[in-house]
Amino acid sequence: MASEELARKLQRRLRLEEAEEGGPQPVAPAAPAPGPELEPAPPARAPTASADAELSAQLSRRLDINEGAARPRRCKVFNPYTEFPEFSRRLIKDLESMFKLYDAGRDGFIDLMELKLMMEKLGAPQTHLGLKSMIKEVDEDFDGKLSFREFLLIFHKAAAGELQEDSGLMALAKLSEIDVALEGVKGAKDFFEAKAQALSSASKFEAELKAEQEERKREEEERKLRQAAFKELKATFSA
């Protein structure tokens, strides 16, 4: 139905433009009268194909947006510090760390499955429809996943009181252990250090991640010790 409506609009636009130009049939030019050489006639008005193409593209995108199938458009480089001036730099850094923690695919987005795991680890599992509803509420480019900017919008809306108390986004904002109402207006500097420490000790997920990092650090130190011992042994035999 939507495509038929688009076709009707384009046909009506073409008929109007043809009527303005005197009809669709081209008129043969009259032969020039004998006399001095005439200057070439100015080119006829450019065809309206480009205008029709632009109109078609705009209508198609509007239909895609209405049907939830619009492709995201590239926009200017996102700067969270200028677009969310109500947030302190410390808050944005903490939110960025949280975003990267749950961006398992490391593609700069939190998709439906990553959001599902995130809500489960925060202790507020959601249904499939609930997860889609959460994304839809802040999904500005209709790509079905959360960018970092859209992730910040969750906490912006929470601080502004724009989220329902029983919504999944409000649960995410509350369980994240980041008090946007305080830090969002540049509260005490030590606020996030205390929150981060509490989250680290309470979160099994982060505890496991920290253990892996310590294990890699220990292995790296052991490797350096083995290299030093090998060099010392080599120097002994070379003497």
Protein backbone atom coordinates (compact mmCIF):
# COMPACT_ATOMS: atom_id res chain seq x y z
CA MET A 1 0.00 0.00 0.00
CA ALA A 2 2.82 2.39 0.83
CA SER A 3 4.59 1.76 -2.49
CA GLU A 4 1.34 2.32 -4.41
CA GLU A 5 0.83 5.64 -2.64
CA LEU A 6 4.39 6.66 -3.56
CA ALA A 7 3.80 5.77 -7.22
CA ARG A 8 0.59 7.80 -7.32
CA LYS A 9 2.35 10.85 -5.87
CA LEU A 10 5.16 10.64 -8.42
CA GLN A 11 2.72 10.24 -11.33
CA ARG A 12 0.68 13.23 -10.16
CA ARG A 13 3.89 15.32 -9.89
CA LEU A 14 4.92 14.37 -13.44
CA ARG A 15 1.48 15.21 -14.88
CA LEU A 16 1.54 18.66 -13.25
CA GLU A 17 4.99 19.44 -14.63
CA GLU A 18 4.02 18.26 -18.12
CA ALA A 19 0.94 20.49 -18.02
CA GLU A 20 3.08 23.49 -17.04
CA GLU A 21 5.41 22.87 -19.98
CA GLY A 22 2.53 22.62 -22.49
CA GLY A 23 2.14 18.86 -22.67
CA PRO A 24 4.40 15.86 -23.00
CA GLN A 25 4.70 15.95 -26.85
CA PRO A 26 7.85 17.74 -28.09
CA VAL A 27 7.36 20.46 -30.74
CA ALA A 28 9.65 20.44 -33.79
CA PRO A 29 11.68 23.69 -34.05
CA ALA A 30 10.89 26.01 -37.02
CA ALA A 31 13.54 26.44 -39.71
CA PRO A 32 15.60 29.62 -39.21
CA ALA A 33 14.98 32.48 -41.67
CA PRO A 34 17.85 33.33 -44.07
CA GLY A 35 20.07 36.07 -42.84
CA PRO A 36 23.10 36.58 -40.65
CA GLU A 37 24.19 33.65 -38.55
CA LEU A 38 22.12 33.44 -35.44
CA GLU A 39 23.54 32.78 -32.02
CA PRO A 40 22.70 29.34 -30.67
CA ALA A 41 19.50 29.29 -28.71
CA PRO A 42 19.90 28.94 -24.96
CA PRO A 43 19.54 25.34 -23.76
CA ALA A 44 16.09 24.24 -22.76
CA ARG A 45 15.27 23.98 -19.11
CA ALA A 46 16.91 20.94 -17.58
CA PRO A 47 14.64 17.93 -17.30
CA THR A 48 12.97 17.38 -14.03
CA ALA A 49 14.44 13.92 -13.58
CA SER A 50 16.75 15.08 -10.79
CA ALA A 51 13.87 16.74 -8.93
CA ASP A 52 11.76 13.61 -9.34
CA ALA A 53 14.63 11.44 -8.10
CA GLU A 54 15.09 13.65 -5.05
CA LEU A 55 11.36 13.58 -4.31
CA SER A 56 11.32 9.82 -4.74
CA ALA A 57 14.28 9.41 -2.37
CA GLN A 58 12.65 11.60 0.27
CA LEU A 59 9.34 9.76 0.04
CA SER A 60 11.09 6.38 0.11
CA ARG A 61 13.04 7.29 3.25
CA ARG A 62 9.88 8.54 4.94
CA LEU A 63 8.17 5.24 4.14
CA ASP A 64 11.19 3.32 5.47
CA ILE A 65 11.11 5.35 8.70
CA ASN A 66 7.39 4.68 9.12
CA GLU A 67 7.97 0.97 8.56
CA GLY A 68 11.02 0.87 10.85
CA ALA A 69 13.40 -0.06 8.04
CA ALA A 70 15.29 3.20 7.56
CA ARG A 71 19.07 2.94 7.19
CA PRO A 72 21.08 5.17 9.52
CA ARG A 73 22.51 8.33 8.05
CA ARG A 74 26.05 9.41 8.71
CA CYS A 75 26.23 12.49 10.83
CA LYS A 76 28.91 14.72 12.22
CA VAL A 77 31.43 13.34 14.67
CA PHE A 78 29.77 12.79 18.00
CA ASN A 79 31.31 14.71 20.93
CA PRO A 80 29.67 13.64 24.21
CA TYR A 81 31.19 16.54 26.16
CA THR A 82 29.50 19.18 24.01
CA GLU A 83 26.22 17.33 23.38
CA PHE A 84 25.74 16.43 27.04
CA PRO A 85 27.16 19.46 28.87
CA GLU A 86 25.07 18.65 31.94
CA PHE A 87 27.26 15.57 32.52
CA SER A 88 30.68 15.88 34.07
CA ARG A 89 33.69 14.47 32.25
CA ARG A 90 34.05 11.88 34.98
CA LEU A 91 30.47 10.70 34.48
CA ILE A 92 30.92 10.36 30.72
CA LYS A 93 34.13 8.38 31.25
CA ASP A 94 32.35 6.00 33.63
CA LEU A 95 29.43 5.57 31.26
CA GLU A 96 31.85 4.94 28.41
CA SER A 97 33.61 2.26 30.44
CA MET A 98 30.27 0.64 31.21
CA PHE A 99 29.25 0.79 27.54
CA LYS A 100 32.50 -0.86 26.40
CA LEU A 101 32.15 -3.49 29.12
CA TYR A 102 28.92 -4.78 27.60
CA ASP A 103 29.86 -4.18 23.95
CA ALA A 104 31.02 -7.76 23.58
CA GLY A 105 31.35 -7.49 19.80
CA ARG A 106 33.65 -4.44 20.10
CA ASP A 107 31.80 -2.81 17.19
CA GLY A 108 30.76 0.37 19.01
CA PHE A 109 27.16 -0.77 19.54
CA ILE A 110 25.12 -2.72 22.07
CA ASP A 111 22.78 -4.96 20.10
CA LEU A 112 19.73 -6.88 21.29
CA MET A 113 21.65 -9.90 22.58
CA GLU A 114 24.27 -7.76 24.33
CA LEU A 115 21.50 -5.73 25.97
CA LYS A 116 19.86 -8.99 27.06
CA LEU A 117 23.08 -10.15 28.76
CA MET A 118 23.57 -6.70 30.25
CA MET A 119 20.13 -6.64 31.88
CA GLU A 120 20.60 -10.19 33.16
CA LYS A 121 23.92 -9.30 34.79
CA LEU A 122 22.34 -6.18 36.33
CA GLY A 123 19.65 -8.41 37.85
CA ALA A 124 16.72 -7.12 35.78
CA PRO A 125 16.16 -9.60 32.91
CA GLN A 126 13.75 -8.49 30.20
CA THR A 127 11.54 -10.25 27.68
CA HIS A 128 12.38 -10.07 23.99
CA LEU A 129 9.65 -7.49 23.45
CA GLY A 130 10.82 -5.57 26.50
CA LEU A 131 14.37 -5.36 25.11
CA LYS A 132 13.12 -4.16 21.73
CA SER A 133 11.00 -1.55 23.46
CA MET A 134 14.03 -0.33 25.43
CA ILE A 135 16.07 0.13 22.26
CA LYS A 136 13.19 1.75 20.38
CA GLU A 137 12.78 4.44 23.04
CA VAL A 138 16.22 5.94 22.31
CA ASP A 139 17.01 4.49 18.87
CA GLU A 140 17.37 7.71 16.86
CA ASP A 141 18.70 6.14 13.66
CA PHE A 142 16.35 3.11 13.58
CA ASP A 143 19.19 0.58 13.34
CA GLY A 144 17.87 -1.63 16.16
CA LYS A 145 20.88 -1.22 18.47
CA LEU A 146 22.37 1.30 20.87
CA SER A 147 25.23 3.60 19.94
CA PHE A 148 27.17 5.33 22.71
CA ARG A 149 25.18 8.53 22.11
CA GLU A 150 21.89 6.64 22.46
CA PHE A 151 23.28 4.95 25.57
CA LEU A 152 23.95 8.39 27.08
CA LEU A 153 20.39 9.40 26.19
CA ILE A 154 19.14 6.79 28.65
CA PHE A 155 20.87 8.52 31.55
CA HIS A 156 19.98 11.95 30.20
CA LYS A 157 16.30 10.97 30.23
CA ALA A 158 16.67 9.40 33.69
CA ALA A 159 18.18 12.59 35.12
CA ALA A 160 15.46 14.69 33.46
CA GLY A 161 12.68 12.49 34.86
CA GLU A 162 11.54 11.45 31.38
CA LEU A 163 11.48 7.70 32.03
CA GLN A 164 8.64 5.66 33.50
CA GLU A 165 9.46 4.09 36.87
CA ASP A 166 8.58 0.61 35.61
CA SER A 167 10.45 0.89 32.30
CA GLY A 168 13.46 -1.23 31.42
CA LEU A 169 15.55 1.86 30.78
CA MET A 170 14.86 3.17 34.28
CA ALA A 171 15.91 -0.20 35.70
CA LEU A 172 19.13 0.00 33.68
CA ALA A 173 19.83 3.54 34.91
CA LYS A 174 19.19 2.61 38.56
CA LEU A 175 21.08 -0.69 38.57
CA SER A 176 24.12 0.75 36.80
CA GLU A 177 25.36 2.11 40.15
CA ILE A 178 25.83 5.52 38.50
CA ASP A 179 23.81 8.27 40.15
CA VAL A 180 23.21 10.66 37.27
CA ALA A 181 21.03 12.93 39.41
CA LEU A 182 24.07 13.76 41.55
CA GLU A 183 27.03 13.49 39.23
CA GLY A 184 25.13 14.78 36.23
CA VAL A 185 25.19 18.22 37.84
CA LYS A 186 28.85 17.88 38.77
CA GLY A 187 28.63 16.57 42.32
CA ALA A 188 31.47 15.52 44.58
CA LYS A 189 34.65 14.33 42.86
CA ASP A 190 34.93 11.21 44.98
CA PHE A 191 31.43 10.06 44.12
CA PHE A 192 32.40 7.88 41.20
CA GLU A 193 35.47 6.42 42.85
CA ALA A 194 33.23 5.14 45.65
CA LYS A 195 30.60 3.91 43.18
CA ALA A 196 33.18 2.20 40.99
CA GLN A 197 34.72 0.47 43.99
CA ALA A 198 31.32 -0.72 45.19
CA LEU A 199 30.42 -1.97 41.73
CA SER A 200 33.76 -3.76 41.37
CA SER A 201 33.34 -5.61 44.64
CA ALA A 202 29.68 -6.45 44.02
CA SER A 203 29.86 -7.44 40.37
CA LYS A 204 31.00 -10.98 39.66
CA PHE A 205 31.42 -10.10 36.02
CA GLU A 206 33.91 -7.32 36.70
CA ALA A 207 35.66 -9.45 39.31
CA GLU A 208 36.26 -12.14 36.70
CA LEU A 209 37.49 -9.55 34.22
CA LYS A 210 39.90 -8.13 36.80
CA ALA A 211 41.18 -11.63 37.59
CA GLU A 212 41.89 -12.23 33.90
CA GLN A 213 43.81 -8.96 33.67
CA GLU A 214 45.89 -9.85 36.72
CA GLU A 215 46.59 -13.29 35.28
CA ARG A 216 47.86 -11.76 32.03
CA LYS A 217 50.02 -9.32 33.99
CA ARG A 218 51.51 -12.16 36.01
CA GLU A 219 52.26 -14.17 32.87
CA GLU A 220 53.94 -11.15 31.31
CA GLU A 221 56.15 -10.68 34.38
CA GLU A 222 57.12 -14.37 34.35
CA ARG A 223 58.00 -14.13 30.65
CA LYS A 224 60.28 -11.17 31.33
CA LEU A 225 62.00 -13.06 34.17
CA ARG A 226 62.61 -16.06 31.89
CA GLN A 227 64.09 -13.79 29.22
CA ALA A 228 66.38 -12.14 31.77
CA ALA A 229 67.53 -15.55 33.07
CA PHE A 230 68.19 -16.76 29.55
CA LYS A 231 70.26 -13.66 28.73
CA GLU A 232 72.28 -14.11 31.94
CA LEU A 233 72.90 -17.77 31.13
CA LYS A 234 73.91 -16.89 27.58
CA ALA A 235 76.33 -14.26 28.85
CA THR A 236 77.92 -16.82 31.21
CA PHE A 237 78.63 -19.29 28.40
CA SER A 238 79.85 -16.52 26.11
CA ALA A 239 82.44 -15.31 28.62
